[in-house]
Amino acid sequence: MANPKVAANASVFWEQLRSAAIVLNGGVITFCGISLYRGDEKFYTNIAMPMLRMLGPETAHNFSITAAKYKLVPRPRVADPPSLKTEVWGRTFNNPVGLAAGYDKQGEAVDGLLKIGFGFVEIGSVTPAPQPGNDKPRVFRLVDDEAIINRYGFNSDGHEEVFKRLRHRETEPKVSASCMSEQRNMLNINFWTDTSCEASDKKRGDKVTHSKGKTREEEKLRRQERGMMGVNLGKNKLSGHAVADYVAGVKVFGKVADYLVINVSSPNTPGLRQLQGRQQLEELLDQVVAERNKLRVEHKPPLLVKIAPDLSDEDKADIAAAVIREKGGVDGLIVTNTTVCPSLYQGGVDGLIVTNTTVCPSL
């Protein structure tokens, strides 16, 4: 027969052990949370990053996106000094260090990533229709080479779903499509557009205002404070109308993006890099530039083209000729996308390895 006193003592012991475990776990979670929030470099180096590397590459990627989505990320302790401010295309970037497309593919974590301190965040690539991308596994770490292999293949939630997440950034009123600010017109000599709208307003004695009655300077400050966001546009894998896919992207995201990127250089979508050819690229840019110019927004987003790193001199000359044309020219290039090393790897290769021509002779 069991001794009631012994049983009672055992029950108390296990209850105390349970309470101690709760307190201990709570302390560990609190410590980790505070260290993450404060951006403790030693904690990230010795604990956080090794733990993330215990997860699969894509799982770790998704985990970090979720943390940024809910703003469980550190805020910089020191504000960016004025010397880091950079003005391009009439837009002021708090600093020149940004996050490239390919990380926040679905536009889920823009505000959290800007909170970390990036000067701008580029989401995407976004395709018109949802598509799952390539089969898993599709991301691989090359630890010794300090590089990764990416075979995502434009996995995207599609225009409609991604736009819903970004719609809160659509704050500017619609204006006449034939109106463009003098500043914007001077920044891009390819698009000569009537700039008399503001002058006409002044002649009538009207005060020029923008979203929610803000003046031009107030609107510029608001845009700077919220952080700059670019949208990287792609085509659907099985689409037979690549140009139409990009035009649709300009039409949808031109209202919310601070700049737009035409991605014709991902190595993971069959036939995509062929759009870097001069004739194909000119036909594409003619259409997307025309669509951008039709946007009924005060600040028409600059257009950029993202190119591959492994181009011949002839390829580079063709791209340069296409993007600087008076008609159909764009505002800039993004250099570069991931490279390819078909003799060793399938997919896009990025990291320190891309500078080592002895590892991949095609570089």
Protein backbone atom coordinates (compact mmCIF):
# COMPACT_ATOMS: atom_id res chain seq x y z
CA MET A 1 0.00 0.00 0.00
CA ALA A 2 1.42 3.39 -1.06
CA ASN A 3 2.40 5.83 1.62
CA PRO A 4 0.17 8.95 1.23
CA LYS A 5 2.89 11.22 2.61
CA VAL A 6 5.46 9.99 0.05
CA ALA A 7 2.94 10.41 -2.76
CA ALA A 8 2.16 13.94 -1.62
CA ASN A 9 5.86 14.84 -1.49
CA ALA A 10 6.37 13.44 -4.99
CA SER A 11 3.44 15.49 -6.27
CA VAL A 12 4.90 18.65 -4.72
CA PHE A 13 8.32 17.86 -6.22
CA TRP A 14 6.95 17.48 -9.74
CA GLU A 15 4.86 20.63 -9.39
CA GLN A 16 7.92 22.57 -8.24
CA LEU A 17 9.96 21.13 -11.13
CA ARG A 18 7.24 22.15 -13.57
CA SER A 19 7.17 25.67 -12.16
CA ALA A 20 10.96 25.91 -12.34
CA ALA A 21 10.88 24.77 -15.99
CA ILE A 22 8.28 27.43 -16.82
CA VAL A 23 10.35 30.12 -15.14
CA LEU A 24 13.55 28.92 -16.85
CA ASN A 25 11.94 28.75 -20.29
CA GLY A 26 10.34 32.12 -19.75
CA GLY A 27 13.71 33.59 -18.83
CA VAL A 28 15.37 32.09 -21.89
CA ILE A 29 12.63 33.39 -24.19
CA THR A 30 12.80 36.83 -22.60
CA PHE A 31 16.58 36.93 -22.91
CA CYS A 32 16.43 35.86 -26.55
CA GLY A 33 13.69 38.36 -27.31
CA ILE A 34 15.55 41.26 -25.72
CA SER A 35 18.81 40.28 -27.41
CA LEU A 36 17.13 40.05 -30.81
CA TYR A 37 15.31 43.34 -30.39
CA ARG A 38 18.43 45.16 -29.21
CA GLY A 39 20.45 43.72 -32.07
CA ASP A 40 23.11 42.18 -29.85
CA GLU A 41 25.84 41.27 -32.33
CA LYS A 42 27.34 38.51 -30.20
CA PHE A 43 23.93 36.94 -29.67
CA TYR A 44 23.27 36.92 -33.42
CA THR A 45 26.72 35.53 -34.21
CA ASN A 46 26.93 32.87 -31.50
CA ILE A 47 23.31 31.83 -30.99
CA ALA A 48 20.70 33.15 -33.43
CA MET A 49 22.47 32.45 -36.73
CA PRO A 50 23.79 28.97 -35.77
CA MET A 51 20.24 28.03 -34.69
CA LEU A 52 18.80 29.28 -37.99
CA ARG A 53 21.39 27.26 -39.90
CA MET A 54 20.08 24.14 -38.20
CA LEU A 55 16.92 24.66 -40.26
CA GLY A 56 16.70 23.98 -43.97
CA PRO A 57 17.57 27.02 -46.13
CA GLU A 58 14.03 27.71 -47.31
CA THR A 59 12.56 27.11 -43.84
CA ALA A 60 15.08 29.56 -42.35
CA HIS A 61 14.21 32.05 -45.09
CA ASN A 62 10.48 31.80 -44.35
CA PHE A 63 11.07 31.99 -40.59
CA SER A 64 13.00 35.24 -40.96
CA ILE A 65 10.30 36.70 -43.22
CA THR A 66 7.69 35.91 -40.56
CA ALA A 67 9.78 37.64 -37.89
CA ALA A 68 10.12 40.74 -40.07
CA LYS A 69 6.42 40.62 -40.98
CA TYR A 70 5.46 40.99 -37.32
CA LYS A 71 8.33 43.47 -36.77
CA LEU A 72 10.16 41.17 -34.37
CA VAL A 73 13.39 42.74 -35.54
CA PRO A 74 15.85 45.20 -34.01
CA ARG A 75 15.68 48.90 -34.69
CA PRO A 76 18.98 50.76 -35.32
CA ARG A 77 20.27 52.42 -32.18
CA VAL A 78 21.66 55.36 -34.13
CA ALA A 79 19.74 57.29 -36.78
CA ASP A 80 21.25 57.58 -40.25
CA PRO A 81 23.39 60.72 -40.50
CA PRO A 82 22.32 63.31 -43.09
CA SER A 83 25.48 62.53 -45.09
CA LEU A 84 24.00 59.16 -46.08
CA LYS A 85 20.90 60.67 -47.67
CA THR A 86 20.85 60.04 -51.40
CA GLU A 87 18.48 61.65 -53.88
CA VAL A 88 17.71 59.81 -57.10
CA TRP A 89 14.77 60.31 -59.48
CA GLY A 90 13.42 63.01 -57.17
CA ARG A 91 13.20 60.52 -54.31
CA THR A 92 15.21 60.78 -51.11
CA PHE A 93 16.71 57.56 -49.73
CA ASN A 94 17.72 57.73 -46.06
CA ASN A 95 20.80 55.66 -46.89
CA PRO A 96 22.11 53.86 -49.99
CA VAL A 97 22.01 50.31 -48.55
CA GLY A 98 18.93 48.41 -49.68
CA LEU A 99 17.51 44.90 -49.72
CA ALA A 100 17.31 43.32 -53.17
CA ALA A 101 14.38 41.41 -54.61
CA GLY A 102 14.28 37.68 -53.91
CA TYR A 103 14.06 37.94 -50.14
CA ASP A 104 10.57 39.34 -49.50
CA LYS A 105 9.06 37.81 -52.59
CA GLN A 106 5.42 38.29 -51.58
CA GLY A 107 5.54 41.80 -50.09
CA GLU A 108 4.80 40.52 -46.59
CA ALA A 109 7.45 42.26 -44.51
CA VAL A 110 8.23 45.63 -46.10
CA ASP A 111 7.62 47.76 -43.01
CA GLY A 112 9.55 45.40 -40.73
CA LEU A 113 12.52 45.32 -43.08
CA LEU A 114 12.57 49.10 -43.36
CA LYS A 115 12.48 49.22 -39.56
CA ILE A 116 15.80 47.32 -39.47
CA GLY A 117 17.42 50.27 -41.21
CA PHE A 118 17.47 49.51 -44.93
CA GLY A 119 17.36 52.58 -47.14
CA PHE A 120 14.95 50.78 -49.44
CA VAL A 121 13.34 47.38 -49.86
CA GLU A 122 12.61 45.74 -53.20
CA ILE A 123 9.97 43.01 -53.21
CA GLY A 124 9.31 40.27 -55.76
CA SER A 125 9.66 39.07 -58.33
CA VAL A 126 5.88 39.20 -58.67
CA THR A 127 4.09 37.43 -61.54
CA PRO A 128 0.58 38.22 -62.82
CA ALA A 129 -0.94 34.87 -61.86
CA PRO A 130 0.01 32.89 -58.75
CA GLN A 131 2.53 30.13 -59.36
CA PRO A 132 4.36 27.75 -57.00
CA GLY A 133 7.82 28.04 -58.53
CA ASN A 134 10.14 25.08 -58.97
CA ASP A 135 9.99 21.85 -57.00
CA LYS A 136 11.58 21.65 -53.55
CA PRO A 137 14.31 21.50 -52.42
CA ARG A 138 15.28 24.61 -54.34
CA VAL A 139 17.66 26.55 -52.10
CA PHE A 140 21.06 25.21 -51.07
CA ARG A 141 23.88 26.51 -48.91
CA LEU A 142 27.46 26.30 -50.15
CA VAL A 143 29.02 26.88 -46.74
CA ASP A 144 32.66 26.45 -47.72
CA ASP A 145 32.23 28.75 -50.73
CA GLU A 146 30.20 31.34 -48.78
CA ALA A 147 27.49 31.15 -51.41
CA ILE A 148 24.01 29.84 -52.11
CA ILE A 149 22.19 28.20 -55.00
CA ASN A 150 18.72 29.55 -55.70
CA ARG A 151 16.24 27.61 -57.84
CA TYR A 152 13.03 29.25 -56.60
CA GLY A 153 11.72 29.98 -60.09
CA PHE A 154 9.50 33.03 -59.46
CA ASN A 155 7.32 31.47 -56.76
CA SER A 156 4.69 34.18 -56.41
CA ASP A 157 1.29 34.85 -54.86
CA GLY A 158 0.38 36.85 -57.96
CA HIS A 159 -0.42 40.51 -58.61
CA GLU A 160 -3.78 40.61 -56.88
CA GLU A 161 -2.70 39.12 -53.56
CA VAL A 162 0.58 41.03 -53.31
CA PHE A 163 -1.14 44.31 -54.20
CA LYS A 164 -3.60 43.81 -51.33
CA ARG A 165 -0.66 43.71 -48.91
CA LEU A 166 0.79 46.93 -50.31
CA ARG A 167 -2.37 48.89 -50.88
CA HIS A 168 -1.88 50.98 -47.75
CA ARG A 169 0.98 52.68 -49.60
CA GLU A 170 -1.40 53.92 -52.29
CA THR A 171 -1.95 57.40 -50.91
CA GLU A 172 -1.51 59.76 -53.82
CA PRO A 173 -4.50 61.18 -55.74
CA LYS A 174 -5.03 60.57 -59.41
CA VAL A 175 -3.96 63.39 -61.69
CA SER A 176 -4.02 64.07 -65.38
CA ALA A 177 -1.91 61.54 -67.26
CA SER A 178 -0.47 64.38 -69.35
CA CYS A 179 0.85 66.18 -66.28
CA MET A 180 4.32 65.62 -64.85
CA SER A 181 6.32 67.68 -62.41
CA GLU A 182 9.16 69.86 -63.67
CA GLN A 183 11.55 67.97 -61.37
CA ARG A 184 10.57 64.58 -62.79
CA ASN A 185 10.78 65.92 -66.35
CA MET A 186 14.30 67.22 -65.80
CA LEU A 187 15.44 63.92 -64.31
CA ASN A 188 14.43 61.95 -67.40
CA ILE A 189 14.97 63.70 -70.68
CA ASN A 190 13.45 60.76 -72.56
CA PHE A 191 9.90 61.72 -71.63
CA TRP A 192 9.08 65.35 -72.46
CA THR A 193 5.73 65.97 -70.87
CA ASP A 194 3.56 68.99 -70.23
CA THR A 195 4.56 70.58 -66.95
CA SER A 196 2.13 73.45 -67.10
CA CYS A 197 -0.47 71.92 -64.75
CA GLU A 198 1.05 73.29 -61.55
CA ALA A 199 1.57 76.69 -63.17
CA SER A 200 -2.06 76.74 -64.26
CA ASP A 201 -3.17 75.99 -60.72
CA LYS A 202 -1.07 78.86 -59.41
CA LYS A 203 -2.53 81.24 -61.99
CA ARG A 204 -5.99 80.35 -60.69
CA GLY A 205 -4.78 81.05 -57.16
CA ASP A 206 -5.03 77.38 -56.14
CA LYS A 207 -2.55 75.91 -53.70
CA VAL A 208 -0.95 72.80 -55.15
CA THR A 209 -1.68 69.91 -52.81
CA HIS A 210 -1.25 66.16 -52.91
CA SER A 211 -2.50 63.26 -50.84
CA LYS A 212 -4.82 64.29 -48.00
CA GLY A 213 -4.21 67.97 -48.71
CA LYS A 214 -0.44 67.85 -48.20
CA THR A 215 1.83 70.27 -50.04
CA ARG A 216 4.54 68.95 -52.34
CA GLU A 217 7.25 69.24 -49.66
CA GLU A 218 5.04 67.55 -47.05
CA GLU A 219 4.32 64.74 -49.48
CA LYS A 220 8.02 64.30 -50.21
CA LEU A 221 8.76 64.12 -46.48
CA ARG A 222 5.98 61.59 -45.92
CA ARG A 223 7.36 59.38 -48.69
CA GLN A 224 10.84 59.59 -47.18
CA GLU A 225 9.63 58.74 -43.67
CA ARG A 226 7.64 55.69 -44.72
CA GLY A 227 10.68 54.26 -46.54
CA MET A 228 11.28 53.48 -50.19
CA MET A 229 9.87 50.33 -51.77
CA GLY A 230 10.56 48.94 -55.23
CA VAL A 231 8.54 46.22 -56.95
CA ASN A 232 10.36 43.68 -59.11
CA LEU A 233 8.20 42.36 -61.94
CA GLY A 234 8.44 38.94 -63.58
CA LYS A 235 6.55 36.81 -66.10
CA ASN A 236 4.64 33.60 -65.52
CA LYS A 237 6.58 30.47 -66.42
CA LEU A 238 3.97 29.20 -68.90
CA SER A 239 2.95 32.60 -70.24
CA GLY A 240 2.99 32.99 -73.99
CA HIS A 241 2.83 36.79 -73.71
CA ALA A 242 5.82 38.00 -71.73
CA VAL A 243 5.37 41.65 -72.71
CA ALA A 244 1.76 41.62 -71.53
CA ASP A 245 2.84 40.17 -68.18
CA TYR A 246 5.23 43.05 -67.54
CA VAL A 247 2.76 45.67 -68.77
CA ALA A 248 0.17 44.28 -66.35
CA GLY A 249 2.68 44.59 -63.51
CA VAL A 250 3.36 48.24 -64.30
CA LYS A 251 -0.36 48.96 -64.37
CA VAL A 252 -1.02 47.27 -61.01
CA PHE A 253 2.01 48.32 -58.96
CA GLY A 254 2.71 51.72 -60.50
CA LYS A 255 0.32 53.19 -57.92
CA VAL A 256 2.21 51.89 -54.88
CA ALA A 257 5.85 51.45 -55.90
CA ASP A 258 8.55 54.08 -55.52
CA TYR A 259 10.28 52.41 -58.47
CA LEU A 260 9.61 49.43 -60.75
CA VAL A 261 12.05 46.78 -61.95
CA ILE A 262 11.75 44.75 -65.14
CA ASN A 263 13.45 41.45 -64.34
CA VAL A 264 14.67 39.79 -67.53
CA SER A 265 17.68 38.04 -66.02
CA SER A 266 16.58 35.29 -63.63
CA PRO A 267 18.21 32.01 -64.66
CA ASN A 268 15.34 29.94 -63.21
CA THR A 269 12.57 30.78 -65.69
CA PRO A 270 13.01 29.12 -69.10
CA GLY A 271 13.57 31.60 -71.93
CA LEU A 272 13.56 34.68 -69.69
CA ARG A 273 17.12 35.77 -70.40
CA GLN A 274 16.36 35.82 -74.12
CA LEU A 275 14.47 39.05 -73.41
CA GLN A 276 17.87 40.72 -72.89
CA GLY A 277 18.43 40.55 -76.65
CA ARG A 278 18.29 43.98 -78.27
CA GLN A 279 15.17 43.50 -80.41
CA GLN A 280 13.21 41.68 -77.70
CA LEU A 281 14.26 44.18 -75.04
CA GLU A 282 13.33 47.20 -77.17
CA GLU A 283 9.88 45.76 -77.90
CA LEU A 284 9.38 45.07 -74.19
CA LEU A 285 10.56 48.48 -73.03
CA ASP A 286 8.45 50.34 -75.60
CA GLN A 287 5.34 48.77 -74.08
CA VAL A 288 6.19 49.08 -70.39
CA VAL A 289 7.38 52.68 -70.74
CA ALA A 290 4.16 53.58 -72.55
CA GLU A 291 2.13 51.96 -69.77
CA ARG A 292 4.13 53.75 -67.09
CA ASN A 293 3.55 57.08 -68.79
CA LYS A 294 -0.21 56.47 -68.75
CA LEU A 295 -0.34 56.02 -64.98
CA ARG A 296 -2.63 58.59 -63.41
CA VAL A 297 -0.44 59.37 -60.43
CA GLU A 298 1.51 62.50 -59.55
CA HIS A 299 4.85 60.72 -59.07
CA LYS A 300 5.29 58.27 -61.92
CA PRO A 301 7.67 55.51 -60.75
CA PRO A 302 11.09 55.24 -62.39
CA LEU A 303 11.64 52.11 -64.47
CA LEU A 304 14.78 50.00 -64.16
CA VAL A 305 15.96 46.85 -65.90
CA LYS A 306 17.68 44.07 -63.96
CA ILE A 307 20.39 42.36 -65.99
CA ALA A 308 22.53 39.25 -65.67
CA PRO A 309 26.20 39.34 -64.61
CA ASP A 310 27.41 36.85 -67.20
CA LEU A 311 26.94 38.88 -70.39
CA SER A 312 29.27 39.16 -73.35
CA ASP A 313 30.54 42.56 -74.45
CA GLU A 314 28.11 42.38 -77.38
CA ASP A 315 25.20 41.65 -75.01
CA LYS A 316 26.13 44.62 -72.84
CA ALA A 317 26.31 46.91 -75.87
CA ASP A 318 22.87 45.75 -77.05
CA ILE A 319 21.32 46.35 -73.62
CA ALA A 320 22.93 49.78 -73.37
CA ALA A 321 21.58 50.74 -76.79
CA ALA A 322 18.07 49.61 -75.82
CA VAL A 323 17.85 51.41 -72.48
CA ILE A 324 19.19 54.82 -73.53
CA ARG A 325 16.92 55.36 -76.53
CA GLU A 326 14.97 58.62 -76.62
CA LYS A 327 11.76 56.62 -76.96
CA GLY A 328 11.52 53.56 -74.76
CA GLY A 329 14.55 54.40 -72.66
CA VAL A 330 14.47 53.71 -68.93
CA ASP A 331 15.74 55.38 -65.77
CA GLY A 332 18.49 52.93 -64.84
CA LEU A 333 19.86 49.41 -64.55
CA ILE A 334 20.15 47.03 -61.62
CA VAL A 335 23.44 45.19 -61.82
CA THR A 336 23.13 42.27 -61.32
CA ASN A 337 21.07 39.12 -60.86
CA THR A 338 22.52 35.76 -59.81
CA THR A 339 24.98 34.10 -62.15
CA VAL A 340 25.00 30.60 -63.62
CA CYS A 341 27.65 27.93 -63.43
CA PRO A 342 26.19 25.05 -65.47
CA SER A 343 29.34 22.96 -65.26
CA LEU A 344 28.88 22.68 -61.49
CA TYR A 345 25.42 23.82 -60.41
CA GLN A 346 21.87 24.09 -61.65
CA GLY A 347 20.18 27.36 -60.75
CA GLY A 348 21.32 30.85 -59.83
CA VAL A 349 24.56 31.11 -57.86
CA ASP A 350 25.24 34.03 -55.54
CA GLY A 351 27.85 34.92 -52.96
CA LEU A 352 31.62 35.10 -52.81
CA ILE A 353 31.93 32.32 -55.37
CA VAL A 354 30.83 34.59 -58.22
CA THR A 355 34.12 36.47 -57.99
CA ASN A 356 36.20 33.29 -58.32
CA THR A 357 36.70 32.52 -62.00
CA THR A 358 38.80 29.45 -61.17
CA VAL A 359 35.79 27.78 -59.53
CA CYS A 360 33.36 28.59 -62.34
CA PRO A 361 35.19 29.24 -65.63
CA SER A 362 32.11 30.80 -67.24
CA LEU A 363 32.28 33.83 -64.91
